[in-house]
Amino acid sequence: MTILFNSDNHITTSEKLTAPFIASIEDGLSRFSDQITRVEVYLADENGDKDSKNDKRCVMEARLEGLQPIAVTNHGDTHEQAVEGAIIKLKSALESLIGRLNNH
């Protein structure tokens, strides 16, 4: 499972920033690692330099072999909250999709 990070111009992505997120994503989605070929993570700070609540956005897209990509969006007060919430949402979406596929 390859994990790629992208960000808006308010965020500088570095290994220091992304390493803990990669570990969380790998751990959170480990059950699906055989089916996921790539996860793309888009981090944004919707209000730029202004300090406001719930302005960090994480869009996470999982690409599964032979299927359309699945994307989720989560907002939080910090990038960590946004990423953790997106992992939970993506895990739920994957469980639903794979459950439906296994029932057919």
Protein backbone atom coordinates (compact mmCIF):
# COMPACT_ATOMS: atom_id res chain seq x y z
CA MET A 1 0.00 0.00 0.00
CA THR A 2 1.55 3.25 -1.17
CA ILE A 3 0.63 6.41 0.75
CA LEU A 4 1.00 9.79 -0.99
CA PHE A 5 0.59 13.19 0.65
CA ASN A 6 -0.48 16.44 -0.99
CA SER A 7 -1.23 19.77 0.65
CA ASP A 8 -2.40 23.27 -0.08
CA ASN A 9 0.00 26.21 -0.10
CA HIS A 10 -0.55 26.89 3.63
CA ILE A 11 1.06 23.58 4.65
CA THR A 12 4.59 22.41 4.05
CA THR A 13 4.65 18.63 3.95
CA SER A 14 7.79 17.02 5.26
CA GLU A 15 8.78 13.60 6.49
CA LYS A 16 8.52 14.95 10.04
CA LEU A 17 4.87 15.91 9.42
CA THR A 18 3.84 12.87 7.39
CA ALA A 19 5.65 10.02 9.20
CA PRO A 20 3.20 9.81 12.14
CA PHE A 21 0.26 10.07 9.74
CA ILE A 22 1.63 7.27 7.56
CA ALA A 23 2.00 5.04 10.62
CA SER A 24 -1.61 5.80 11.68
CA ILE A 25 -2.95 5.13 8.18
CA GLU A 26 -1.04 1.86 7.84
CA ASP A 27 -2.24 0.75 11.26
CA GLY A 28 -5.84 1.86 10.76
CA LEU A 29 -6.20 0.33 7.30
CA SER A 30 -3.96 -2.73 7.81
CA ARG A 31 -6.93 -5.09 7.47
CA PHE A 32 -7.39 -3.88 3.88
CA SER A 33 -3.72 -3.63 2.89
CA ASP A 34 -4.06 -6.55 0.45
CA GLN A 35 -6.85 -4.79 -1.45
CA ILE A 36 -5.61 -1.17 -1.31
CA THR A 37 -3.01 -0.25 -3.91
CA ARG A 38 -2.68 3.42 -2.98
CA VAL A 39 -3.94 5.96 -0.45
CA GLU A 40 -3.80 9.64 -1.36
CA VAL A 41 -4.05 12.17 1.44
CA TYR A 42 -4.84 15.84 0.81
CA LEU A 43 -4.28 18.18 3.75
CA ALA A 44 -5.62 21.73 3.74
CA ASP A 45 -5.89 24.66 6.10
CA GLU A 46 -9.11 26.26 4.91
CA ASN A 47 -8.56 29.56 6.71
CA GLY A 48 -4.85 29.91 6.09
CA ASP A 49 -3.12 31.98 8.73
CA LYS A 50 -6.34 32.76 10.59
CA ASP A 51 -6.93 30.71 13.70
CA SER A 52 -10.39 29.16 13.75
CA LYS A 53 -12.08 25.96 14.83
CA ASN A 54 -12.53 22.99 12.54
CA ASP A 55 -10.57 24.58 9.68
CA LYS A 56 -8.14 21.72 8.99
CA ARG A 57 -9.39 19.41 6.25
CA CYS A 58 -8.21 15.95 5.28
CA VAL A 59 -9.46 14.24 2.15
CA MET A 60 -8.37 10.62 1.99
CA GLU A 61 -8.80 8.52 -1.13
CA ALA A 62 -8.19 4.78 -1.26
CA ARG A 63 -7.64 3.06 -4.57
CA LEU A 64 -8.55 -0.59 -4.62
CA GLU A 65 -7.48 -2.98 -7.31
CA GLY A 66 -10.20 -3.28 -9.95
CA LEU A 67 -12.59 -0.83 -8.25
CA GLN A 68 -13.38 2.87 -8.30
CA PRO A 69 -11.52 4.94 -5.70
CA ILE A 70 -13.27 5.69 -2.40
CA ALA A 71 -12.84 9.16 -0.91
CA VAL A 72 -13.80 10.62 2.46
CA THR A 73 -13.44 14.09 3.96
CA ASN A 74 -12.99 15.04 7.59
CA HIS A 75 -12.46 18.38 9.35
CA GLY A 76 -10.76 19.01 12.68
CA ASP A 77 -9.15 21.67 14.83
CA THR A 78 -5.73 20.14 14.07
CA HIS A 79 -4.33 18.15 11.17
CA GLU A 80 -4.01 15.17 13.51
CA GLN A 81 -7.73 15.28 14.31
CA ALA A 82 -8.61 15.68 10.63
CA VAL A 83 -6.43 12.70 9.60
CA GLU A 84 -7.60 10.44 12.45
CA GLY A 85 -11.25 11.17 11.62
CA ALA A 86 -10.63 10.49 7.93
CA ILE A 87 -9.03 7.13 8.78
CA ILE A 88 -12.13 6.15 10.78
CA LYS A 89 -14.47 7.24 7.97
CA LEU A 90 -12.40 5.48 5.28
CA LYS A 91 -12.21 2.29 7.33
CA SER A 92 -16.00 2.32 7.69
CA ALA A 93 -16.52 2.97 3.97
CA LEU A 94 -14.14 0.12 3.07
CA GLU A 95 -15.86 -2.27 5.48
CA SER A 96 -19.23 -1.46 3.88
CA LEU A 97 -17.94 -1.80 0.32
CA ILE A 98 -16.04 -5.03 0.88
CA GLY A 99 -18.94 -6.45 2.87
CA ARG A 100 -21.30 -5.74 -0.03
CA LEU A 101 -18.89 -7.28 -2.52
CA ASN A 102 -18.48 -10.41 -0.41
CA ASN A 103 -22.26 -10.86 -0.18
CA HIS A 104 -22.68 -11.02 -3.97
